[in-house]
């Protein structure tokens, strides 16, 4: 029947409706995984690994001193008020 396909939801529309019915925490987890799946640029991944290893080495050597996260956030809030 011509035009019937216009009335039927597409696969993506069905999937979207199902996802929107998930609890918030599950939608958030799915969103994180979908975003992570887009970050497949090897140069970007290599840069993140390099940065993480550099920071770990700085902490291990004692050239930088870690501060608690709440203290770091307080400093940032005060700085950017």
C-alpha atoms as a PDB file:
ATOM      1  CA  UNK A   1       0.000   0.000   0.000  1.00  0.00           C
ATOM      2  CA  UNK A   2       1.672   3.248  -1.125  1.00  0.00           C
ATOM      3  CA  UNK A   3       2.372   5.764   1.625  1.00  0.00           C
ATOM      4  CA  UNK A   4       2.062   3.203   4.449  1.00  0.00           C
ATOM      5  CA  UNK A   5       5.773   3.422   5.184  1.00  0.00           C
ATOM      6  CA  UNK A   6       5.267   7.101   6.100  1.00  0.00           C
ATOM      7  CA  UNK A   7       2.955   6.094   8.960  1.00  0.00           C
ATOM      8  CA  UNK A   8       5.239   3.444  10.419  1.00  0.00           C
ATOM      9  CA  UNK A   9       7.950   4.595  12.828  1.00  0.00           C
ATOM     10  CA  UNK A  10      11.504   4.073  11.712  1.00  0.00           C
ATOM     11  CA  UNK A  11      13.890   1.856  13.619  1.00  0.00           C
ATOM     12  CA  UNK A  12      15.612   4.901  15.132  1.00  0.00           C
ATOM     13  CA  UNK A  13      12.277   6.371  16.265  1.00  0.00           C
ATOM     14  CA  UNK A  14      11.377   3.112  18.001  1.00  0.00           C
ATOM     15  CA  UNK A  15      14.795   2.958  19.616  1.00  0.00           C
ATOM     16  CA  UNK A  16      14.540   6.590  20.725  1.00  0.00           C
ATOM     17  CA  UNK A  17      11.139   5.981  22.326  1.00  0.00           C
ATOM     18  CA  UNK A  18      12.485   2.946  24.183  1.00  0.00           C
ATOM     19  CA  UNK A  19      15.529   4.858  25.419  1.00  0.00           C
ATOM     20  CA  UNK A  20      13.426   7.775  26.629  1.00  0.00           C
ATOM     21  CA  UNK A  21      11.426   5.340  28.751  1.00  0.00           C
ATOM     22  CA  UNK A  22      14.539   4.170  30.611  1.00  0.00           C
ATOM     23  CA  UNK A  23      15.201   5.428  34.133  1.00  0.00           C
ATOM     24  CA  UNK A  24      17.411   8.520  34.301  1.00  0.00           C
ATOM     25  CA  UNK A  25      20.478   6.651  35.570  1.00  0.00           C
ATOM     26  CA  UNK A  26      20.301   4.139  32.713  1.00  0.00           C
ATOM     27  CA  UNK A  27      19.839   6.908  30.116  1.00  0.00           C
ATOM     28  CA  UNK A  28      22.859   8.694  31.570  1.00  0.00           C
ATOM     29  CA  UNK A  29      24.972   5.532  31.396  1.00  0.00           C
ATOM     30  CA  UNK A  30      23.890   4.929  27.810  1.00  0.00           C
ATOM     31  CA  UNK A  31      24.679   8.530  26.891  1.00  0.00           C
ATOM     32  CA  UNK A  32      28.184   8.225  28.341  1.00  0.00           C
ATOM     33  CA  UNK A  33      28.795   5.045  26.360  1.00  0.00           C
ATOM     34  CA  UNK A  34      27.486   6.602  23.133  1.00  0.00           C
ATOM     35  CA  UNK A  35      29.673   9.676  23.548  1.00  0.00           C
ATOM     36  CA  UNK A  36      32.692   7.490  24.321  1.00  0.00           C
ATOM     37  CA  UNK A  37      32.030   5.513  21.159  1.00  0.00           C
ATOM     38  CA  UNK A  38      32.409   8.722  19.124  1.00  0.00           C
ATOM     39  CA  UNK A  39      35.868   9.456  20.553  1.00  0.00           C
ATOM     40  CA  UNK A  40      37.777   7.133  18.281  1.00  0.00           C
ATOM     41  CA  UNK A  41      40.401   9.557  16.997  1.00  0.00           C
ATOM     42  CA  UNK A  42      43.714   7.785  17.730  1.00  0.00           C
ATOM     43  CA  UNK A  43      45.584  11.085  18.050  1.00  0.00           C
ATOM     44  CA  UNK A  44      43.181  12.325  20.706  1.00  0.00           C
ATOM     45  CA  UNK A  45      43.316   9.029  22.576  1.00  0.00           C
ATOM     46  CA  UNK A  46      47.123   9.083  22.458  1.00  0.00           C
ATOM     47  CA  UNK A  47      47.174  12.666  23.767  1.00  0.00           C
ATOM     48  CA  UNK A  48      44.913  11.705  26.711  1.00  0.00           C
ATOM     49  CA  UNK A  49      47.107   8.719  27.571  1.00  0.00           C
ATOM     50  CA  UNK A  50      50.212  10.914  27.414  1.00  0.00           C
ATOM     51  CA  UNK A  51      48.605  13.531  29.674  1.00  0.00           C
ATOM     52  CA  UNK A  52      47.422  10.938  32.196  1.00  0.00           C
ATOM     53  CA  UNK A  53      50.854   9.308  32.334  1.00  0.00           C
ATOM     54  CA  UNK A  54      52.537  12.707  32.716  1.00  0.00           C
ATOM     55  CA  UNK A  55      50.255  13.645  35.605  1.00  0.00           C
ATOM     56  CA  UNK A  56      50.782  10.286  37.285  1.00  0.00           C
ATOM     57  CA  UNK A  57      54.562  10.748  37.017  1.00  0.00           C
ATOM     58  CA  UNK A  58      54.282  14.238  38.530  1.00  0.00           C
ATOM     59  CA  UNK A  59      52.304  12.872  41.481  1.00  0.00           C
ATOM     60  CA  UNK A  60      54.686   9.939  41.950  1.00  0.00           C
ATOM     61  CA  UNK A  61      57.779  12.145  41.846  1.00  0.00           C
ATOM     62  CA  UNK A  62      56.258  14.668  44.223  1.00  0.00           C
ATOM     63  CA  UNK A  63      56.717  17.563  41.791  1.00  0.00           C
ATOM     64  CA  UNK A  64      53.021  18.345  42.259  1.00  0.00           C
ATOM     65  CA  UNK A  65      50.923  17.949  45.376  1.00  0.00           C
ATOM     66  CA  UNK A  66      47.362  16.661  45.033  1.00  0.00           C
ATOM     67  CA  UNK A  67      44.529  18.539  46.705  1.00  0.00           C
ATOM     68  CA  UNK A  68      41.068  17.210  47.561  1.00  0.00           C
ATOM     69  CA  UNK A  69      38.426  17.727  44.893  1.00  0.00           C
ATOM     70  CA  UNK A  70      36.168  19.831  47.104  1.00  0.00           C
ATOM     71  CA  UNK A  71      39.067  22.180  47.843  1.00  0.00           C
ATOM     72  CA  UNK A  72      39.894  22.484  44.136  1.00  0.00           C
ATOM     73  CA  UNK A  73      36.258  23.291  43.330  1.00  0.00           C
ATOM     74  CA  UNK A  74      36.127  25.899  46.111  1.00  0.00           C
ATOM     75  CA  UNK A  75      39.227  27.579  44.692  1.00  0.00           C
ATOM     76  CA  UNK A  76      37.742  27.603  41.192  1.00  0.00           C
ATOM     77  CA  UNK A  77      34.421  29.010  42.407  1.00  0.00           C
ATOM     78  CA  UNK A  78      36.210  31.785  44.295  1.00  0.00           C
ATOM     79  CA  UNK A  79      38.390  32.576  41.302  1.00  0.00           C
ATOM     80  CA  UNK A  80      35.563  32.776  38.769  1.00  0.00           C
ATOM     81  CA  UNK A  81      32.854  34.569  40.775  1.00  0.00           C
END
